[in-house]
Amino acid sequence: MQASTIGEPGRASRFARITELAAAIAHLLARLYVAKVFFMAGMSKTGNWESTLSLFEEEYRVPILTPQMAAILGTGLELTLPVLLVIGICTRCAAAGLLMVNGMAVFAYYHVLADMPVALQDHLEWGLLLLLLAVQAPVWTTVDFWWVRARLNRSQRSAG
């Protein structure tokens, strides 16, 4: 038996498996990193609710919603969506939801962030990671992947 060379299928399939593994690990690490950022933000808001309400009333400029509703909704999303993101349940929806929370935070607090380029850069980087997570198909480190796979297997068995 001859050893595989670069142009042969054996080498290509090994390379594909390695890149698939690397992509899944990168996906998991991105989910863990972004989830921690938003979950910790939500936890800090629950630590002192009066201060949180004060921030939403005086600092954050959230349109349409009352400051109380914005505080409840924002905090609730920061505490629930990261959990879904880490587990990999509704991963794309959780990432899209956090992307909207991040965008609203930048919009509502831009008058302060504009003078803090490092903080604004953080929001841009989180947004980019969330966008990538929102558009990428489920990988094997998510519950979504295994759920879709089980549904496909079930439909193939019933069709065949």
C-alpha atoms as a PDB file:
ATOM      1  CA  MET A   1       0.000   0.000   0.000  1.00  0.00           C
ATOM      2  CA  GLN A   2       1.363   3.412  -0.956  1.00  0.00           C
ATOM      3  CA  ALA A   3       1.441   6.443   1.317  1.00  0.00           C
ATOM      4  CA  SER A   4      -0.974   9.264   0.434  1.00  0.00           C
ATOM      5  CA  THR A   5       0.316  12.329  -1.326  1.00  0.00           C
ATOM      6  CA  ILE A   6      -1.169  15.801  -1.205  1.00  0.00           C
ATOM      7  CA  GLY A   7      -3.407  15.299  -4.241  1.00  0.00           C
ATOM      8  CA  GLU A   8      -4.856  11.955  -3.155  1.00  0.00           C
ATOM      9  CA  PRO A   9      -8.208  11.461  -1.396  1.00  0.00           C
ATOM     10  CA  GLY A  10      -6.746   9.998   1.813  1.00  0.00           C
ATOM     11  CA  ARG A  11      -4.776  13.160   2.538  1.00  0.00           C
ATOM     12  CA  ALA A  12      -7.679  15.420   1.605  1.00  0.00           C
ATOM     13  CA  SER A  13     -10.123  13.610   3.898  1.00  0.00           C
ATOM     14  CA  ARG A  14      -7.636  13.767   6.799  1.00  0.00           C
ATOM     15  CA  PHE A  15      -7.194  17.482   6.201  1.00  0.00           C
ATOM     16  CA  ALA A  16     -10.982  17.929   6.073  1.00  0.00           C
ATOM     17  CA  ARG A  17     -11.378  16.118   9.398  1.00  0.00           C
ATOM     18  CA  ILE A  18      -8.669  18.241  11.008  1.00  0.00           C
ATOM     19  CA  THR A  19     -10.202  21.499   9.767  1.00  0.00           C
ATOM     20  CA  GLU A  20     -13.668  20.356  10.850  1.00  0.00           C
ATOM     21  CA  LEU A  21     -12.316  19.637  14.332  1.00  0.00           C
ATOM     22  CA  ALA A  22     -10.531  22.998  14.465  1.00  0.00           C
ATOM     23  CA  ALA A  23     -13.667  24.824  13.302  1.00  0.00           C
ATOM     24  CA  ALA A  24     -15.818  23.084  15.926  1.00  0.00           C
ATOM     25  CA  ILE A  25     -13.345  23.942  18.686  1.00  0.00           C
ATOM     26  CA  ALA A  26     -13.140  27.571  17.500  1.00  0.00           C
ATOM     27  CA  HIS A  27     -16.957  27.698  17.428  1.00  0.00           C
ATOM     28  CA  LEU A  28     -17.115  26.381  21.002  1.00  0.00           C
ATOM     29  CA  LEU A  29     -14.456  28.807  22.239  1.00  0.00           C
ATOM     30  CA  ALA A  30     -16.211  31.755  20.593  1.00  0.00           C
ATOM     31  CA  ARG A  31     -19.507  30.711  22.196  1.00  0.00           C
ATOM     32  CA  LEU A  32     -17.900  30.376  25.625  1.00  0.00           C
ATOM     33  CA  TYR A  33     -16.084  33.700  25.389  1.00  0.00           C
ATOM     34  CA  VAL A  34     -19.041  35.780  24.214  1.00  0.00           C
ATOM     35  CA  ALA A  35     -21.474  34.021  26.550  1.00  0.00           C
ATOM     36  CA  LYS A  36     -19.269  34.819  29.548  1.00  0.00           C
ATOM     37  CA  VAL A  37     -19.123  38.513  28.626  1.00  0.00           C
ATOM     38  CA  PHE A  38     -22.887  38.896  28.341  1.00  0.00           C
ATOM     39  CA  PHE A  39     -23.770  36.615  31.260  1.00  0.00           C
ATOM     40  CA  MET A  40     -21.418  38.525  33.572  1.00  0.00           C
ATOM     41  CA  ALA A  41     -22.984  41.813  32.393  1.00  0.00           C
ATOM     42  CA  GLY A  42     -26.421  40.445  33.280  1.00  0.00           C
ATOM     43  CA  MET A  43     -25.196  39.219  36.661  1.00  0.00           C
ATOM     44  CA  SER A  44     -23.725  42.629  37.475  1.00  0.00           C
ATOM     45  CA  LYS A  45     -27.097  44.218  36.715  1.00  0.00           C
ATOM     46  CA  THR A  46     -28.920  41.875  39.111  1.00  0.00           C
ATOM     47  CA  GLY A  47     -26.361  42.563  41.843  1.00  0.00           C
ATOM     48  CA  ASN A  48     -27.657  46.086  42.379  1.00  0.00           C
ATOM     49  CA  TRP A  49     -31.042  46.519  40.736  1.00  0.00           C
ATOM     50  CA  GLU A  50     -31.520  50.118  41.927  1.00  0.00           C
ATOM     51  CA  SER A  51     -28.249  51.100  40.270  1.00  0.00           C
ATOM     52  CA  THR A  52     -29.277  49.254  37.119  1.00  0.00           C
ATOM     53  CA  LEU A  53     -32.591  51.110  36.972  1.00  0.00           C
ATOM     54  CA  SER A  54     -30.764  54.382  37.535  1.00  0.00           C
ATOM     55  CA  LEU A  55     -28.413  53.636  34.635  1.00  0.00           C
ATOM     56  CA  PHE A  56     -31.311  52.868  32.320  1.00  0.00           C
ATOM     57  CA  GLU A  57     -33.132  56.022  33.430  1.00  0.00           C
ATOM     58  CA  GLU A  58     -30.187  58.424  33.219  1.00  0.00           C
ATOM     59  CA  GLU A  59     -27.382  57.011  31.063  1.00  0.00           C
ATOM     60  CA  TYR A  60     -28.704  54.507  28.547  1.00  0.00           C
ATOM     61  CA  ARG A  61     -30.814  56.008  25.802  1.00  0.00           C
ATOM     62  CA  VAL A  62     -32.976  53.080  24.772  1.00  0.00           C
ATOM     63  CA  PRO A  63     -35.682  54.184  22.323  1.00  0.00           C
ATOM     64  CA  ILE A  64     -39.351  53.138  22.536  1.00  0.00           C
ATOM     65  CA  LEU A  65     -39.126  51.125  25.796  1.00  0.00           C
ATOM     66  CA  THR A  66     -39.480  52.594  29.260  1.00  0.00           C
ATOM     67  CA  PRO A  67     -36.248  52.480  31.276  1.00  0.00           C
ATOM     68  CA  GLN A  68     -37.743  49.825  33.578  1.00  0.00           C
ATOM     69  CA  MET A  69     -38.820  47.635  30.658  1.00  0.00           C
ATOM     70  CA  ALA A  70     -35.448  48.086  28.943  1.00  0.00           C
ATOM     71  CA  ALA A  71     -33.649  47.083  32.161  1.00  0.00           C
ATOM     72  CA  ILE A  72     -35.786  43.969  32.637  1.00  0.00           C
ATOM     73  CA  LEU A  73     -35.590  42.916  28.992  1.00  0.00           C
ATOM     74  CA  GLY A  74     -31.880  43.639  28.606  1.00  0.00           C
ATOM     75  CA  THR A  75     -30.947  41.867  31.824  1.00  0.00           C
ATOM     76  CA  GLY A  76     -33.196  38.902  31.043  1.00  0.00           C
ATOM     77  CA  LEU A  77     -31.664  38.477  27.606  1.00  0.00           C
ATOM     78  CA  GLU A  78     -28.127  38.808  28.981  1.00  0.00           C
ATOM     79  CA  LEU A  79     -28.861  36.013  31.453  1.00  0.00           C
ATOM     80  CA  THR A  80     -30.761  33.565  29.217  1.00  0.00           C
ATOM     81  CA  LEU A  81     -29.240  33.825  25.736  1.00  0.00           C
ATOM     82  CA  PRO A  82     -25.667  33.066  26.872  1.00  0.00           C
ATOM     83  CA  VAL A  83     -26.859  29.831  28.497  1.00  0.00           C
ATOM     84  CA  LEU A  84     -28.469  28.752  25.217  1.00  0.00           C
ATOM     85  CA  LEU A  85     -25.313  29.756  23.369  1.00  0.00           C
ATOM     86  CA  VAL A  86     -23.018  27.674  25.597  1.00  0.00           C
ATOM     87  CA  ILE A  87     -25.206  24.587  25.471  1.00  0.00           C
ATOM     88  CA  GLY A  88     -25.780  25.021  21.766  1.00  0.00           C
ATOM     89  CA  ILE A  89     -29.571  25.094  21.858  1.00  0.00           C
ATOM     90  CA  CYS A  90     -31.009  27.473  19.254  1.00  0.00           C
ATOM     91  CA  THR A  91     -27.423  28.628  18.800  1.00  0.00           C
ATOM     92  CA  ARG A  92     -28.034  30.820  15.786  1.00  0.00           C
ATOM     93  CA  CYS A  93     -31.074  32.498  17.369  1.00  0.00           C
ATOM     94  CA  ALA A  94     -29.212  33.038  20.654  1.00  0.00           C
ATOM     95  CA  ALA A  95     -26.271  34.558  18.794  1.00  0.00           C
ATOM     96  CA  ALA A  96     -28.591  36.786  16.743  1.00  0.00           C
ATOM     97  CA  GLY A  97     -30.377  37.863  19.921  1.00  0.00           C
ATOM     98  CA  LEU A  98     -27.118  38.772  21.635  1.00  0.00           C
ATOM     99  CA  LEU A  99     -26.025  40.565  18.473  1.00  0.00           C
ATOM    100  CA  MET A 100     -29.149  42.735  18.773  1.00  0.00           C
ATOM    101  CA  VAL A 101     -28.527  43.305  22.503  1.00  0.00           C
ATOM    102  CA  ASN A 102     -24.955  44.320  21.672  1.00  0.00           C
ATOM    103  CA  GLY A 103     -26.123  46.628  18.887  1.00  0.00           C
ATOM    104  CA  MET A 104     -28.691  48.254  21.163  1.00  0.00           C
ATOM    105  CA  ALA A 105     -26.045  48.728  23.844  1.00  0.00           C
ATOM    106  CA  VAL A 106     -23.787  50.518  21.377  1.00  0.00           C
ATOM    107  CA  PHE A 107     -26.678  52.617  20.100  1.00  0.00           C
ATOM    108  CA  ALA A 108     -28.022  53.497  23.552  1.00  0.00           C
ATOM    109  CA  TYR A 109     -24.630  54.189  25.117  1.00  0.00           C
ATOM    110  CA  TYR A 110     -22.733  55.552  22.102  1.00  0.00           C
ATOM    111  CA  HIS A 111     -22.503  59.014  23.645  1.00  0.00           C
ATOM    112  CA  VAL A 112     -20.168  57.450  26.229  1.00  0.00           C
ATOM    113  CA  LEU A 113     -18.561  54.733  24.077  1.00  0.00           C
ATOM    114  CA  ALA A 114     -17.498  57.297  21.467  1.00  0.00           C
ATOM    115  CA  ASP A 115     -14.972  58.632  23.969  1.00  0.00           C
ATOM    116  CA  MET A 116     -13.819  55.128  24.946  1.00  0.00           C
ATOM    117  CA  PRO A 117     -12.312  53.509  21.838  1.00  0.00           C
ATOM    118  CA  VAL A 118     -11.269  50.369  23.711  1.00  0.00           C
ATOM    119  CA  ALA A 119     -14.816  49.752  24.967  1.00  0.00           C
ATOM    120  CA  LEU A 120     -16.253  50.444  21.519  1.00  0.00           C
ATOM    121  CA  GLN A 121     -13.703  48.021  20.028  1.00  0.00           C
ATOM    122  CA  ASP A 122     -14.857  45.354  22.497  1.00  0.00           C
ATOM    123  CA  HIS A 123     -18.447  45.755  21.312  1.00  0.00           C
ATOM    124  CA  LEU A 124     -17.353  45.556  17.678  1.00  0.00           C
ATOM    125  CA  GLU A 125     -15.387  42.353  18.321  1.00  0.00           C
ATOM    126  CA  TRP A 126     -18.268  40.764  20.239  1.00  0.00           C
ATOM    127  CA  GLY A 127     -20.577  41.751  17.409  1.00  0.00           C
ATOM    128  CA  LEU A 128     -18.319  40.156  14.827  1.00  0.00           C
ATOM    129  CA  LEU A 129     -18.091  36.894  16.798  1.00  0.00           C
ATOM    130  CA  LEU A 130     -21.855  36.866  17.296  1.00  0.00           C
ATOM    131  CA  LEU A 131     -22.446  37.497  13.604  1.00  0.00           C
ATOM    132  CA  LEU A 132     -20.200  34.564  12.694  1.00  0.00           C
ATOM    133  CA  LEU A 133     -22.019  32.330  15.193  1.00  0.00           C
ATOM    134  CA  ALA A 134     -25.404  33.472  13.869  1.00  0.00           C
ATOM    135  CA  VAL A 135     -24.642  32.597  10.255  1.00  0.00           C
ATOM    136  CA  GLN A 136     -22.632  29.398  10.669  1.00  0.00           C
ATOM    137  CA  ALA A 137     -24.385  26.052  10.470  1.00  0.00           C
ATOM    138  CA  PRO A 138     -24.488  24.000  13.672  1.00  0.00           C
ATOM    139  CA  VAL A 139     -21.292  22.122  14.532  1.00  0.00           C
ATOM    140  CA  TRP A 140     -20.930  18.913  16.525  1.00  0.00           C
ATOM    141  CA  THR A 141     -20.247  20.822  19.757  1.00  0.00           C
ATOM    142  CA  THR A 142     -23.890  22.002  19.828  1.00  0.00           C
ATOM    143  CA  VAL A 143     -27.120  20.278  20.767  1.00  0.00           C
ATOM    144  CA  ASP A 144     -28.546  21.755  17.559  1.00  0.00           C
ATOM    145  CA  PHE A 145     -26.202  19.603  15.448  1.00  0.00           C
ATOM    146  CA  TRP A 146     -27.242  16.367  17.137  1.00  0.00           C
ATOM    147  CA  TRP A 147     -30.927  17.284  17.017  1.00  0.00           C
ATOM    148  CA  VAL A 148     -30.775  18.009  13.271  1.00  0.00           C
ATOM    149  CA  ARG A 149     -28.793  14.829  12.690  1.00  0.00           C
ATOM    150  CA  ALA A 150     -31.340  12.736  14.600  1.00  0.00           C
ATOM    151  CA  ARG A 151     -34.218  14.280  12.621  1.00  0.00           C
ATOM    152  CA  LEU A 152     -32.450  13.573   9.323  1.00  0.00           C
ATOM    153  CA  ASN A 153     -31.776   9.978  10.327  1.00  0.00           C
ATOM    154  CA  ARG A 154     -35.399   9.534  11.385  1.00  0.00           C
ATOM    155  CA  SER A 155     -36.728  10.994   8.109  1.00  0.00           C
ATOM    156  CA  GLN A 156     -34.341   8.853   6.036  1.00  0.00           C
ATOM    157  CA  ARG A 157     -35.484   5.706   7.842  1.00  0.00           C
ATOM    158  CA  SER A 158     -39.148   6.526   7.320  1.00  0.00           C
ATOM    159  CA  ALA A 159     -38.584   7.396   3.643  1.00  0.00           C
ATOM    160  CA  GLY A 160     -36.521   4.293   2.885  1.00  0.00           C
END
